[in-house]
C-alpha cells in the first residue's frame, strides 16, 4: 500500500522533471506560430521595410534641431547648440501669431469637418433605396481623389473678384463688393469649406463600415418597443459607433498642428498672410527658402511632441471614461 502511494506521488514529480523549461516552451510556441503564420509574416515584410526606410530611418535627422547644421559639414560634424533653436522659436514675435492661426484652423476643422462624415454616414444609413444611396456615395467620394492644386484652382475660379460665379452672385444679392480671396476674414471659412467638400465623403467610409456591423436585431427590438427612426438612431446607432468616433477623435487630435501645407500654401497671398501663416507654411519659408534647417527642424519636432502628448492624453482620458482607446 505504501509503495503504491509513493508511486502515485512520484509520477507527477517525474512528469515535472521531464517538462521542458518555461523559456524553451515559449520559444517553441513562437516558432510554431512563426511556421503556422509564415505567409502572413511574409506579407508584413513590405510594410515593415517601408516604415523602417521612410518613417523611422529619417528620424535620425531630428538631431539637427539641437545642432547648428551646416550641409557641407554634415549632421555629425555640425556644432552642438542644445536648445538654442527652441528658445529662438518660443521667443520669436511670430510664434504666438502662428500658433494662434494654427489652433484656430484646427478648432474650426474639428468643429465642422470632423462631425460632417458622421452626419452624412447617419443620413446615408437611413436611405433604403440602394441605387440612390450608392449614387450619393460615389458623388461625395470623388472630390477626395482631386489634388489640392485642383481644389484651389476651382476655388479661384468660383471666388475670383472679377469673374467668379459665387462672387457675382453674392455681389448681386447683398449689393456690395466681396473679395473672398484677399479678405483675411474669408480665408478660414474658405479653408473649412474646401476641407468639407474634399474629405467628408472619404471619411464617411469608416463610419458606414462601422454602421454595417450593427446588429439588426437591435433595431427590431427598438421598433417593438415603439421607437421611431430618430429614437433608433439616438439609442442604437450612435452608441454602436461611439468607439469608432472616439478612436477617430484621438487620431485627429494627434494632427491638431498639421493643418495641411498644400491647401494653406495654395490659398495664401500677400493680403491674407496675417491669418494664413501656420506652422506648416512657416517651416517651408524658414527651412527651404531661407535655409534655416535646424530652426525648421526644431519647429517640426515641437509639432511632433505636441501631437504625441495629445494622443496619449486623449487615449488616457478615453479609457478613463470606459471607452476603447488606441492602445
C-alpha atoms as a PDB file:
ATOM      1  CA  UNK A   1       0.000   0.000   0.000  1.00  0.00           C
ATOM      2  CA  UNK A   2       2.851   2.385   0.871  1.00  0.00           C
ATOM      3  CA  UNK A   3       4.631   1.574  -2.350  1.00  0.00           C
ATOM      4  CA  UNK A   4       1.513   2.460  -4.349  1.00  0.00           C
ATOM      5  CA  UNK A   5       1.189   5.823  -2.563  1.00  0.00           C
ATOM      6  CA  UNK A   6       4.873   6.521  -3.163  1.00  0.00           C
ATOM      7  CA  UNK A   7       4.461   5.687  -6.835  1.00  0.00           C
ATOM      8  CA  UNK A   8       1.424   7.979  -7.085  1.00  0.00           C
ATOM      9  CA  UNK A   9       3.413  10.890  -5.684  1.00  0.00           C
ATOM     10  CA  UNK A  10       6.487  10.134  -7.773  1.00  0.00           C
ATOM     11  CA  UNK A  11       4.678  10.127 -11.128  1.00  0.00           C
ATOM     12  CA  UNK A  12       3.796  13.905 -11.083  1.00  0.00           C
ATOM     13  CA  UNK A  13       7.347  14.651  -9.906  1.00  0.00           C
ATOM     14  CA  UNK A  14       8.805  12.686 -12.794  1.00  0.00           C
ATOM     15  CA  UNK A  15       6.440  14.475 -15.185  1.00  0.00           C
ATOM     16  CA  UNK A  16       7.584  17.838 -13.827  1.00  0.00           C
ATOM     17  CA  UNK A  17      11.226  16.852 -14.270  1.00  0.00           C
ATOM     18  CA  UNK A  18      10.604  15.822 -17.881  1.00  0.00           C
ATOM     19  CA  UNK A  19       8.650  19.021 -18.674  1.00  0.00           C
ATOM     20  CA  UNK A  20      10.831  21.473 -20.639  1.00  0.00           C
ATOM     21  CA  UNK A  21      11.740  24.807 -19.029  1.00  0.00           C
ATOM     22  CA  UNK A  22       9.260  27.655 -19.397  1.00  0.00           C
ATOM     23  CA  UNK A  23      11.597  29.708 -21.608  1.00  0.00           C
ATOM     24  CA  UNK A  24      12.088  26.868 -24.065  1.00  0.00           C
ATOM     25  CA  UNK A  25       8.311  26.301 -24.177  1.00  0.00           C
ATOM     26  CA  UNK A  26       7.791  29.946 -25.087  1.00  0.00           C
ATOM     27  CA  UNK A  27      10.447  29.752 -27.790  1.00  0.00           C
ATOM     28  CA  UNK A  28       8.791  26.623 -29.116  1.00  0.00           C
ATOM     29  CA  UNK A  29       5.401  28.355 -29.172  1.00  0.00           C
ATOM     30  CA  UNK A  30       6.886  31.322 -31.048  1.00  0.00           C
ATOM     31  CA  UNK A  31       8.476  29.013 -33.602  1.00  0.00           C
ATOM     32  CA  UNK A  32       5.180  27.171 -34.031  1.00  0.00           C
ATOM     33  CA  UNK A  33       3.310  30.447 -34.586  1.00  0.00           C
ATOM     34  CA  UNK A  34       6.017  31.646 -36.966  1.00  0.00           C
ATOM     35  CA  UNK A  35       5.705  28.483 -39.036  1.00  0.00           C
ATOM     36  CA  UNK A  36       1.926  28.495 -38.899  1.00  0.00           C
ATOM     37  CA  UNK A  37       1.529  32.126 -39.954  1.00  0.00           C
ATOM     38  CA  UNK A  38       4.633  32.342 -42.169  1.00  0.00           C
ATOM     39  CA  UNK A  39       2.729  33.721 -45.161  1.00  0.00           C
ATOM     40  CA  UNK A  40       1.135  36.471 -43.079  1.00  0.00           C
ATOM     41  CA  UNK A  41       4.555  37.456 -41.740  1.00  0.00           C
ATOM     42  CA  UNK A  42       5.893  37.425 -45.290  1.00  0.00           C
ATOM     43  CA  UNK A  43       3.131  39.818 -46.344  1.00  0.00           C
ATOM     44  CA  UNK A  44       4.134  42.046 -43.425  1.00  0.00           C
ATOM     45  CA  UNK A  45       7.698  42.486 -44.716  1.00  0.00           C
ATOM     46  CA  UNK A  46       6.987  45.221 -47.353  1.00  0.00           C
ATOM     47  CA  UNK A  47       5.166  47.354 -44.789  1.00  0.00           C
ATOM     48  CA  UNK A  48       7.955  46.952 -42.227  1.00  0.00           C
ATOM     49  CA  UNK A  49      10.582  47.836 -44.827  1.00  0.00           C
ATOM     50  CA  UNK A  50       8.596  50.890 -45.926  1.00  0.00           C
ATOM     51  CA  UNK A  51       8.160  52.277 -42.407  1.00  0.00           C
ATOM     52  CA  UNK A  52      11.748  51.485 -41.439  1.00  0.00           C
ATOM     53  CA  UNK A  53      13.116  53.204 -44.558  1.00  0.00           C
ATOM     54  CA  UNK A  54      10.855  56.223 -44.932  1.00  0.00           C
ATOM     55  CA  UNK A  55       9.469  56.790 -41.410  1.00  0.00           C
ATOM     56  CA  UNK A  56      11.870  55.604 -38.717  1.00  0.00           C
ATOM     57  CA  UNK A  57      15.162  55.907 -40.614  1.00  0.00           C
ATOM     58  CA  UNK A  58      14.847  59.635 -41.362  1.00  0.00           C
ATOM     59  CA  UNK A  59      14.091  60.302 -37.682  1.00  0.00           C
ATOM     60  CA  UNK A  60      17.853  60.359 -37.141  1.00  0.00           C
ATOM     61  CA  UNK A  61      17.779  63.779 -38.797  1.00  0.00           C
ATOM     62  CA  UNK A  62      15.866  65.158 -35.791  1.00  0.00           C
ATOM     63  CA  UNK A  63      19.234  65.628 -34.104  1.00  0.00           C
ATOM     64  CA  UNK A  64      19.925  68.693 -36.254  1.00  0.00           C
ATOM     65  CA  UNK A  65      17.299  70.542 -34.178  1.00  0.00           C
ATOM     66  CA  UNK A  66      19.964  70.567 -31.446  1.00  0.00           C
ATOM     67  CA  UNK A  67      22.852  71.447 -33.766  1.00  0.00           C
ATOM     68  CA  UNK A  68      23.914  74.366 -35.896  1.00  0.00           C
ATOM     69  CA  UNK A  69      23.535  72.273 -39.007  1.00  0.00           C
ATOM     70  CA  UNK A  70      25.765  73.070 -41.977  1.00  0.00           C
ATOM     71  CA  UNK A  71      25.129  70.854 -45.037  1.00  0.00           C
ATOM     72  CA  UNK A  72      28.807  70.883 -46.046  1.00  0.00           C
ATOM     73  CA  UNK A  73      29.856  69.576 -42.621  1.00  0.00           C
ATOM     74  CA  UNK A  74      27.087  67.006 -42.282  1.00  0.00           C
ATOM     75  CA  UNK A  75      24.999  66.085 -39.271  1.00  0.00           C
ATOM     76  CA  UNK A  76      27.759  64.519 -37.185  1.00  0.00           C
ATOM     77  CA  UNK A  77      30.307  67.301 -37.679  1.00  0.00           C
ATOM     78  CA  UNK A  78      27.928  70.214 -37.122  1.00  0.00           C
ATOM     79  CA  UNK A  79      28.260  72.126 -33.860  1.00  0.00           C
ATOM     80  CA  UNK A  80      26.010  71.119 -30.943  1.00  0.00           C
ATOM     81  CA  UNK A  81      23.940  74.092 -29.703  1.00  0.00           C
ATOM     82  CA  UNK A  82      21.409  72.376 -27.422  1.00  0.00           C
ATOM     83  CA  UNK A  83      18.071  74.143 -27.062  1.00  0.00           C
ATOM     84  CA  UNK A  84      19.120  77.303 -28.888  1.00  0.00           C
ATOM     85  CA  UNK A  85      16.583  76.998 -31.692  1.00  0.00           C
ATOM     86  CA  UNK A  86      13.748  76.087 -29.356  1.00  0.00           C
ATOM     87  CA  UNK A  87      14.452  79.226 -27.359  1.00  0.00           C
ATOM     88  CA  UNK A  88      14.529  81.146 -30.623  1.00  0.00           C
ATOM     89  CA  UNK A  89      11.170  79.645 -31.606  1.00  0.00           C
ATOM     90  CA  UNK A  90       9.396  80.410 -28.330  1.00  0.00           C
ATOM     91  CA  UNK A  91      10.935  83.869 -28.160  1.00  0.00           C
ATOM     92  CA  UNK A  92      10.085  84.778 -31.745  1.00  0.00           C
ATOM     93  CA  UNK A  93       7.475  87.528 -32.229  1.00  0.00           C
ATOM     94  CA  UNK A  94       5.878  85.349 -34.928  1.00  0.00           C
ATOM     95  CA  UNK A  95       5.386  82.330 -32.654  1.00  0.00           C
ATOM     96  CA  UNK A  96       2.212  83.496 -30.927  1.00  0.00           C
ATOM     97  CA  UNK A  97       0.623  84.614 -34.218  1.00  0.00           C
ATOM     98  CA  UNK A  98       1.457  81.342 -35.985  1.00  0.00           C
ATOM     99  CA  UNK A  99       0.302  79.254 -33.025  1.00  0.00           C
ATOM    100  CA  UNK A 100      -2.965  81.180 -32.853  1.00  0.00           C
ATOM    101  CA  UNK A 101      -3.631  80.786 -36.585  1.00  0.00           C
ATOM    102  CA  UNK A 102      -2.859  77.066 -36.415  1.00  0.00           C
ATOM    103  CA  UNK A 103      -5.060  76.409 -33.392  1.00  0.00           C
ATOM    104  CA  UNK A 104      -7.986  78.407 -34.807  1.00  0.00           C
ATOM    105  CA  UNK A 105      -7.892  76.450 -38.070  1.00  0.00           C
ATOM    106  CA  UNK A 106      -7.560  73.180 -36.172  1.00  0.00           C
ATOM    107  CA  UNK A 107     -10.506  74.078 -33.924  1.00  0.00           C
ATOM    108  CA  UNK A 108     -12.663  75.008 -36.914  1.00  0.00           C
ATOM    109  CA  UNK A 109     -11.845  71.750 -38.674  1.00  0.00           C
ATOM    110  CA  UNK A 110     -12.632  69.739 -35.553  1.00  0.00           C
ATOM    111  CA  UNK A 111     -15.876  71.643 -35.038  1.00  0.00           C
ATOM    112  CA  UNK A 112     -17.117  71.342 -38.637  1.00  0.00           C
ATOM    113  CA  UNK A 113     -15.046  68.872 -40.673  1.00  0.00           C
ATOM    114  CA  UNK A 114     -14.842  66.138 -38.019  1.00  0.00           C
ATOM    115  CA  UNK A 115     -18.585  65.636 -37.368  1.00  0.00           C
ATOM    116  CA  UNK A 116     -19.531  66.069 -41.043  1.00  0.00           C
ATOM    117  CA  UNK A 117     -18.693  62.444 -42.060  1.00  0.00           C
ATOM    118  CA  UNK A 118     -20.620  61.162 -39.039  1.00  0.00           C
ATOM    119  CA  UNK A 119     -23.731  63.127 -40.001  1.00  0.00           C
ATOM    120  CA  UNK A 120     -23.505  62.088 -43.656  1.00  0.00           C
ATOM    121  CA  UNK A 121     -22.996  58.427 -42.709  1.00  0.00           C
ATOM    122  CA  UNK A 122     -26.022  58.509 -40.405  1.00  0.00           C
ATOM    123  CA  UNK A 123     -28.167  60.081 -43.136  1.00  0.00           C
ATOM    124  CA  UNK A 124     -26.978  57.618 -45.774  1.00  0.00           C
ATOM    125  CA  UNK A 125     -27.664  54.751 -43.405  1.00  0.00           C
ATOM    126  CA  UNK A 126     -31.323  55.795 -43.367  1.00  0.00           C
ATOM    127  CA  UNK A 127     -31.614  55.706 -47.180  1.00  0.00           C
ATOM    128  CA  UNK A 128     -33.345  52.493 -48.142  1.00  0.00           C
ATOM    129  CA  UNK A 129     -33.168  52.824 -51.964  1.00  0.00           C
ATOM    130  CA  UNK A 130     -29.848  51.173 -52.847  1.00  0.00           C
ATOM    131  CA  UNK A 131     -29.394  52.974 -56.180  1.00  0.00           C
ATOM    132  CA  UNK A 132     -29.874  56.400 -54.612  1.00  0.00           C
ATOM    133  CA  UNK A 133     -27.606  55.548 -51.687  1.00  0.00           C
ATOM    134  CA  UNK A 134     -24.730  54.349 -53.864  1.00  0.00           C
ATOM    135  CA  UNK A 135     -25.090  57.250 -56.264  1.00  0.00           C
ATOM    136  CA  UNK A 136     -24.773  59.724 -53.414  1.00  0.00           C
ATOM    137  CA  UNK A 137     -21.775  57.827 -52.022  1.00  0.00           C
ATOM    138  CA  UNK A 138     -19.998  57.936 -55.376  1.00  0.00           C
ATOM    139  CA  UNK A 139     -20.712  61.633 -55.844  1.00  0.00           C
ATOM    140  CA  UNK A 140     -19.299  62.630 -52.469  1.00  0.00           C
ATOM    141  CA  UNK A 141     -16.272  60.297 -52.723  1.00  0.00           C
ATOM    142  CA  UNK A 142     -14.962  61.801 -55.978  1.00  0.00           C
ATOM    143  CA  UNK A 143     -13.551  65.079 -54.561  1.00  0.00           C
ATOM    144  CA  UNK A 144     -11.166  63.131 -52.333  1.00  0.00           C
ATOM    145  CA  UNK A 145      -9.224  61.981 -55.390  1.00  0.00           C
ATOM    146  CA  UNK A 146      -8.629  65.534 -56.591  1.00  0.00           C
ATOM    147  CA  UNK A 147      -5.349  67.178 -55.603  1.00  0.00           C
ATOM    148  CA  UNK A 148      -5.307  70.348 -53.542  1.00  0.00           C
ATOM    149  CA  UNK A 149      -3.995  72.147 -56.617  1.00  0.00           C
ATOM    150  CA  UNK A 150      -7.207  71.380 -58.473  1.00  0.00           C
ATOM    151  CA  UNK A 151      -9.323  72.279 -55.431  1.00  0.00           C
ATOM    152  CA  UNK A 152      -7.524  75.611 -55.080  1.00  0.00           C
ATOM    153  CA  UNK A 153      -7.919  76.290 -58.819  1.00  0.00           C
ATOM    154  CA  UNK A 154     -11.661  75.636 -58.603  1.00  0.00           C
ATOM    155  CA  UNK A 155     -11.856  77.940 -55.607  1.00  0.00           C
ATOM    156  CA  UNK A 156     -10.108  80.721 -57.503  1.00  0.00           C
ATOM    157  CA  UNK A 157     -12.471  80.246 -60.458  1.00  0.00           C
ATOM    158  CA  UNK A 158     -15.571  80.424 -58.264  1.00  0.00           C
ATOM    159  CA  UNK A 159     -14.463  83.209 -55.920  1.00  0.00           C
ATOM    160  CA  UNK A 160     -12.387  85.462 -58.185  1.00  0.00           C
ATOM    161  CA  UNK A 161     -13.138  89.173 -57.834  1.00  0.00           C
ATOM    162  CA  UNK A 162     -13.989  89.901 -61.466  1.00  0.00           C
ATOM    163  CA  UNK A 163     -15.030  86.554 -62.943  1.00  0.00           C
ATOM    164  CA  UNK A 164     -16.059  84.308 -60.032  1.00  0.00           C
ATOM    165  CA  UNK A 165     -19.596  82.951 -60.225  1.00  0.00           C
ATOM    166  CA  UNK A 166     -20.054  82.902 -56.448  1.00  0.00           C
ATOM    167  CA  UNK A 167     -18.641  86.422 -56.149  1.00  0.00           C
ATOM    168  CA  UNK A 168     -21.030  87.790 -58.795  1.00  0.00           C
ATOM    169  CA  UNK A 169     -23.970  86.089 -57.076  1.00  0.00           C
ATOM    170  CA  UNK A 170     -23.010  87.453 -53.650  1.00  0.00           C
ATOM    171  CA  UNK A 171     -22.458  90.951 -55.043  1.00  0.00           C
ATOM    172  CA  UNK A 172     -25.877  90.902 -56.679  1.00  0.00           C
ATOM    173  CA  UNK A 173     -27.711  89.580 -53.633  1.00  0.00           C
ATOM    174  CA  UNK A 174     -26.079  91.772 -50.978  1.00  0.00           C
ATOM    175  CA  UNK A 175     -25.385  94.785 -53.233  1.00  0.00           C
ATOM    176  CA  UNK A 176     -21.780  95.104 -52.124  1.00  0.00           C
ATOM    177  CA  UNK A 177     -18.367  94.092 -53.409  1.00  0.00           C
ATOM    178  CA  UNK A 178     -16.834  90.937 -51.984  1.00  0.00           C
ATOM    179  CA  UNK A 179     -13.196  89.948 -52.295  1.00  0.00           C
ATOM    180  CA  UNK A 180     -13.202  86.457 -50.819  1.00  0.00           C
ATOM    181  CA  UNK A 181      -9.655  85.545 -51.831  1.00  0.00           C
ATOM    182  CA  UNK A 182      -7.931  88.641 -50.486  1.00  0.00           C
ATOM    183  CA  UNK A 183     -10.033  89.472 -47.435  1.00  0.00           C
ATOM    184  CA  UNK A 184      -8.406  87.856 -44.334  1.00  0.00           C
ATOM    185  CA  UNK A 185     -11.835  87.379 -42.739  1.00  0.00           C
ATOM    186  CA  UNK A 186     -12.856  84.949 -45.506  1.00  0.00           C
ATOM    187  CA  UNK A 187      -9.667  82.866 -45.514  1.00  0.00           C
ATOM    188  CA  UNK A 188     -10.667  80.480 -42.719  1.00  0.00           C
ATOM    189  CA  UNK A 189     -14.239  79.888 -43.951  1.00  0.00           C
ATOM    190  CA  UNK A 190     -12.842  79.042 -47.394  1.00  0.00           C
ATOM    191  CA  UNK A 191     -10.367  76.572 -45.892  1.00  0.00           C
ATOM    192  CA  UNK A 192     -13.118  74.864 -43.898  1.00  0.00           C
ATOM    193  CA  UNK A 193     -15.416  74.702 -46.950  1.00  0.00           C
ATOM    194  CA  UNK A 194     -12.631  73.144 -49.014  1.00  0.00           C
ATOM    195  CA  UNK A 195     -11.984  70.537 -46.328  1.00  0.00           C
ATOM    196  CA  UNK A 196     -15.680  69.729 -46.074  1.00  0.00           C
ATOM    197  CA  UNK A 197     -16.071  69.328 -49.814  1.00  0.00           C
ATOM    198  CA  UNK A 198     -12.945  67.253 -50.318  1.00  0.00           C
ATOM    199  CA  UNK A 199     -12.761  64.991 -47.276  1.00  0.00           C
ATOM    200  CA  UNK A 200     -16.296  64.463 -45.983  1.00  0.00           C
ATOM    201  CA  UNK A 201     -17.182  61.720 -48.447  1.00  0.00           C
ATOM    202  CA  UNK A 202     -13.988  59.797 -47.837  1.00  0.00           C
ATOM    203  CA  UNK A 203     -14.346  59.969 -44.068  1.00  0.00           C
ATOM    204  CA  UNK A 204     -17.871  58.644 -44.404  1.00  0.00           C
ATOM    205  CA  UNK A 205     -16.489  55.246 -45.472  1.00  0.00           C
ATOM    206  CA  UNK A 206     -15.191  54.500 -41.969  1.00  0.00           C
ATOM    207  CA  UNK A 207     -18.483  55.244 -40.270  1.00  0.00           C
ATOM    208  CA  UNK A 208     -20.528  53.374 -42.871  1.00  0.00           C
ATOM    209  CA  UNK A 209     -18.319  50.349 -42.238  1.00  0.00           C
ATOM    210  CA  UNK A 210     -18.971  50.689 -38.516  1.00  0.00           C
ATOM    211  CA  UNK A 211     -22.700  51.016 -39.138  1.00  0.00           C
ATOM    212  CA  UNK A 212     -22.659  47.852 -41.242  1.00  0.00           C
ATOM    213  CA  UNK A 213     -21.613  45.922 -38.143  1.00  0.00           C
ATOM    214  CA  UNK A 214     -24.591  46.978 -36.033  1.00  0.00           C
ATOM    215  CA  UNK A 215     -26.793  44.022 -35.108  1.00  0.00           C
ATOM    216  CA  UNK A 216     -30.145  44.356 -36.988  1.00  0.00           C
ATOM    217  CA  UNK A 217     -31.959  42.689 -34.106  1.00  0.00           C
ATOM    218  CA  UNK A 218     -31.295  45.801 -32.018  1.00  0.00           C
ATOM    219  CA  UNK A 219     -33.353  47.865 -34.455  1.00  0.00           C
ATOM    220  CA  UNK A 220     -36.086  45.232 -34.418  1.00  0.00           C
ATOM    221  CA  UNK A 221     -36.201  45.310 -30.624  1.00  0.00           C
ATOM    222  CA  UNK A 222     -36.324  49.113 -30.670  1.00  0.00           C
ATOM    223  CA  UNK A 223     -39.220  49.081 -33.142  1.00  0.00           C
ATOM    224  CA  UNK A 224     -41.062  46.587 -30.975  1.00  0.00           C
ATOM    225  CA  UNK A 225     -40.647  48.991 -28.061  1.00  0.00           C
ATOM    226  CA  UNK A 226     -42.203  51.747 -30.173  1.00  0.00           C
ATOM    227  CA  UNK A 227     -39.045  53.703 -31.106  1.00  0.00           C
ATOM    228  CA  UNK A 228     -39.258  55.836 -34.242  1.00  0.00           C
ATOM    229  CA  UNK A 229     -36.356  56.389 -36.689  1.00  0.00           C
ATOM    230  CA  UNK A 230     -34.825  59.263 -34.741  1.00  0.00           C
ATOM    231  CA  UNK A 231     -35.011  57.338 -31.481  1.00  0.00           C
ATOM    232  CA  UNK A 232     -33.428  54.299 -33.116  1.00  0.00           C
ATOM    233  CA  UNK A 233     -30.590  56.493 -34.354  1.00  0.00           C
ATOM    234  CA  UNK A 234     -30.099  58.021 -30.929  1.00  0.00           C
ATOM    235  CA  UNK A 235     -30.324  54.891 -28.788  1.00  0.00           C
ATOM    236  CA  UNK A 236     -28.991  52.213 -31.178  1.00  0.00           C
ATOM    237  CA  UNK A 237     -26.902  53.662 -33.996  1.00  0.00           C
ATOM    238  CA  UNK A 238     -24.920  56.312 -32.123  1.00  0.00           C
ATOM    239  CA  UNK A 239     -23.931  54.046 -29.177  1.00  0.00           C
ATOM    240  CA  UNK A 240     -22.890  51.365 -31.682  1.00  0.00           C
ATOM    241  CA  UNK A 241     -20.376  53.640 -33.439  1.00  0.00           C
ATOM    242  CA  UNK A 242     -19.252  55.561 -30.336  1.00  0.00           C
ATOM    243  CA  UNK A 243     -15.977  53.648 -30.051  1.00  0.00           C
ATOM    244  CA  UNK A 244     -15.164  54.406 -33.701  1.00  0.00           C
ATOM    245  CA  UNK A 245     -15.870  58.098 -33.144  1.00  0.00           C
ATOM    246  CA  UNK A 246     -13.591  58.136 -30.095  1.00  0.00           C
ATOM    247  CA  UNK A 247     -10.722  56.489 -31.982  1.00  0.00           C
ATOM    248  CA  UNK A 248     -11.071  58.897 -34.895  1.00  0.00           C
ATOM    249  CA  UNK A 249     -11.081  61.833 -32.486  1.00  0.00           C
ATOM    250  CA  UNK A 250      -7.856  60.593 -30.878  1.00  0.00           C
ATOM    251  CA  UNK A 251      -6.215  60.328 -34.293  1.00  0.00           C
ATOM    252  CA  UNK A 252      -7.485  63.783 -35.228  1.00  0.00           C
ATOM    253  CA  UNK A 253      -6.043  65.344 -32.082  1.00  0.00           C
ATOM    254  CA  UNK A 254      -2.666  63.861 -32.969  1.00  0.00           C
ATOM    255  CA  UNK A 255      -2.630  66.065 -36.083  1.00  0.00           C
ATOM    256  CA  UNK A 256      -4.015  69.182 -34.464  1.00  0.00           C
ATOM    257  CA  UNK A 257      -0.970  71.255 -35.513  1.00  0.00           C
ATOM    258  CA  UNK A 258      -0.883  69.730 -39.011  1.00  0.00           C
ATOM    259  CA  UNK A 259      -3.247  71.999 -40.889  1.00  0.00           C
ATOM    260  CA  UNK A 260      -2.053  70.817 -44.298  1.00  0.00           C
ATOM    261  CA  UNK A 261       0.752  72.524 -46.202  1.00  0.00           C
ATOM    262  CA  UNK A 262      -0.610  72.147 -49.738  1.00  0.00           C
ATOM    263  CA  UNK A 263      -4.021  73.599 -49.008  1.00  0.00           C
ATOM    264  CA  UNK A 264      -2.783  76.547 -46.940  1.00  0.00           C
ATOM    265  CA  UNK A 265       0.133  77.366 -49.226  1.00  0.00           C
ATOM    266  CA  UNK A 266      -2.029  77.447 -52.358  1.00  0.00           C
ATOM    267  CA  UNK A 267      -4.626  79.705 -50.725  1.00  0.00           C
ATOM    268  CA  UNK A 268      -2.126  82.139 -49.175  1.00  0.00           C
ATOM    269  CA  UNK A 269      -1.381  85.520 -50.722  1.00  0.00           C
ATOM    270  CA  UNK A 270       0.182  88.757 -49.564  1.00  0.00           C
ATOM    271  CA  UNK A 271      -3.166  90.173 -48.401  1.00  0.00           C
ATOM    272  CA  UNK A 272      -4.312  87.299 -46.160  1.00  0.00           C
ATOM    273  CA  UNK A 273      -0.908  86.195 -44.859  1.00  0.00           C
ATOM    274  CA  UNK A 274      -1.644  87.605 -41.396  1.00  0.00           C
ATOM    275  CA  UNK A 275      -4.180  84.812 -40.783  1.00  0.00           C
ATOM    276  CA  UNK A 276      -2.786  82.248 -43.237  1.00  0.00           C
ATOM    277  CA  UNK A 277       0.660  81.704 -41.715  1.00  0.00           C
ATOM    278  CA  UNK A 278       0.688  78.366 -39.871  1.00  0.00           C
ATOM    279  CA  UNK A 279       3.463  76.049 -38.718  1.00  0.00           C
ATOM    280  CA  UNK A 280       3.464  74.053 -41.956  1.00  0.00           C
ATOM    281  CA  UNK A 281       3.984  77.067 -44.206  1.00  0.00           C
ATOM    282  CA  UNK A 282       6.325  78.749 -41.709  1.00  0.00           C
ATOM    283  CA  UNK A 283       8.594  75.671 -41.809  1.00  0.00           C
ATOM    284  CA  UNK A 284       8.675  75.936 -45.607  1.00  0.00           C
ATOM    285  CA  UNK A 285       9.537  79.632 -45.636  1.00  0.00           C
ATOM    286  CA  UNK A 286      12.194  79.279 -42.931  1.00  0.00           C
ATOM    287  CA  UNK A 287      13.678  75.927 -43.867  1.00  0.00           C
ATOM    288  CA  UNK A 288      13.509  75.858 -47.661  1.00  0.00           C
ATOM    289  CA  UNK A 289      13.560  79.449 -48.845  1.00  0.00           C
ATOM    290  CA  UNK A 290      15.925  80.728 -46.123  1.00  0.00           C
ATOM    291  CA  UNK A 291      17.974  77.583 -45.488  1.00  0.00           C
ATOM    292  CA  UNK A 292      17.435  77.553 -41.692  1.00  0.00           C
ATOM    293  CA  UNK A 293      17.339  73.759 -41.495  1.00  0.00           C
ATOM    294  CA  UNK A 294      17.981  73.461 -37.760  1.00  0.00           C
ATOM    295  CA  UNK A 295      15.357  76.049 -36.884  1.00  0.00           C
ATOM    296  CA  UNK A 296      12.714  74.445 -39.105  1.00  0.00           C
ATOM    297  CA  UNK A 297      13.536  71.005 -37.693  1.00  0.00           C
ATOM    298  CA  UNK A 298      13.038  72.351 -34.177  1.00  0.00           C
ATOM    299  CA  UNK A 299       9.592  73.583 -35.216  1.00  0.00           C
ATOM    300  CA  UNK A 300       8.744  70.190 -36.676  1.00  0.00           C
ATOM    301  CA  UNK A 301       9.927  68.432 -33.527  1.00  0.00           C
ATOM    302  CA  UNK A 302       7.790  70.761 -31.416  1.00  0.00           C
ATOM    303  CA  UNK A 303       4.749  69.814 -33.514  1.00  0.00           C
ATOM    304  CA  UNK A 304       5.530  66.126 -33.148  1.00  0.00           C
ATOM    305  CA  UNK A 305       5.877  66.345 -29.363  1.00  0.00           C
ATOM    306  CA  UNK A 306       2.564  68.203 -29.082  1.00  0.00           C
ATOM    307  CA  UNK A 307       0.894  65.549 -31.247  1.00  0.00           C
ATOM    308  CA  UNK A 308       2.252  62.694 -29.112  1.00  0.00           C
ATOM    309  CA  UNK A 309       1.131  64.393 -25.898  1.00  0.00           C
ATOM    310  CA  UNK A 310      -2.373  64.956 -27.280  1.00  0.00           C
ATOM    311  CA  UNK A 311      -2.679  61.354 -28.493  1.00  0.00           C
ATOM    312  CA  UNK A 312      -1.509  59.904 -25.177  1.00  0.00           C
ATOM    313  CA  UNK A 313      -3.654  62.303 -23.162  1.00  0.00           C
ATOM    314  CA  UNK A 314      -6.820  61.751 -25.191  1.00  0.00           C
ATOM    315  CA  UNK A 315      -6.269  57.983 -25.180  1.00  0.00           C
ATOM    316  CA  UNK A 316      -5.863  58.019 -21.383  1.00  0.00           C
ATOM    317  CA  UNK A 317      -8.989  60.148 -20.995  1.00  0.00           C
ATOM    318  CA  UNK A 318     -10.992  57.852 -23.269  1.00  0.00           C
ATOM    319  CA  UNK A 319     -10.023  54.789 -21.253  1.00  0.00           C
ATOM    320  CA  UNK A 320     -10.852  56.608 -18.029  1.00  0.00           C
ATOM    321  CA  UNK A 321     -14.341  57.163 -19.443  1.00  0.00           C
ATOM    322  CA  UNK A 322     -14.668  53.416 -20.162  1.00  0.00           C
ATOM    323  CA  UNK A 323     -14.172  53.875 -23.902  1.00  0.00           C
ATOM    324  CA  UNK A 324     -11.919  51.838 -26.156  1.00  0.00           C
ATOM    325  CA  UNK A 325      -8.707  53.686 -26.965  1.00  0.00           C
ATOM    326  CA  UNK A 326      -5.948  53.109 -29.478  1.00  0.00           C
ATOM    327  CA  UNK A 327      -3.892  51.051 -27.039  1.00  0.00           C
END
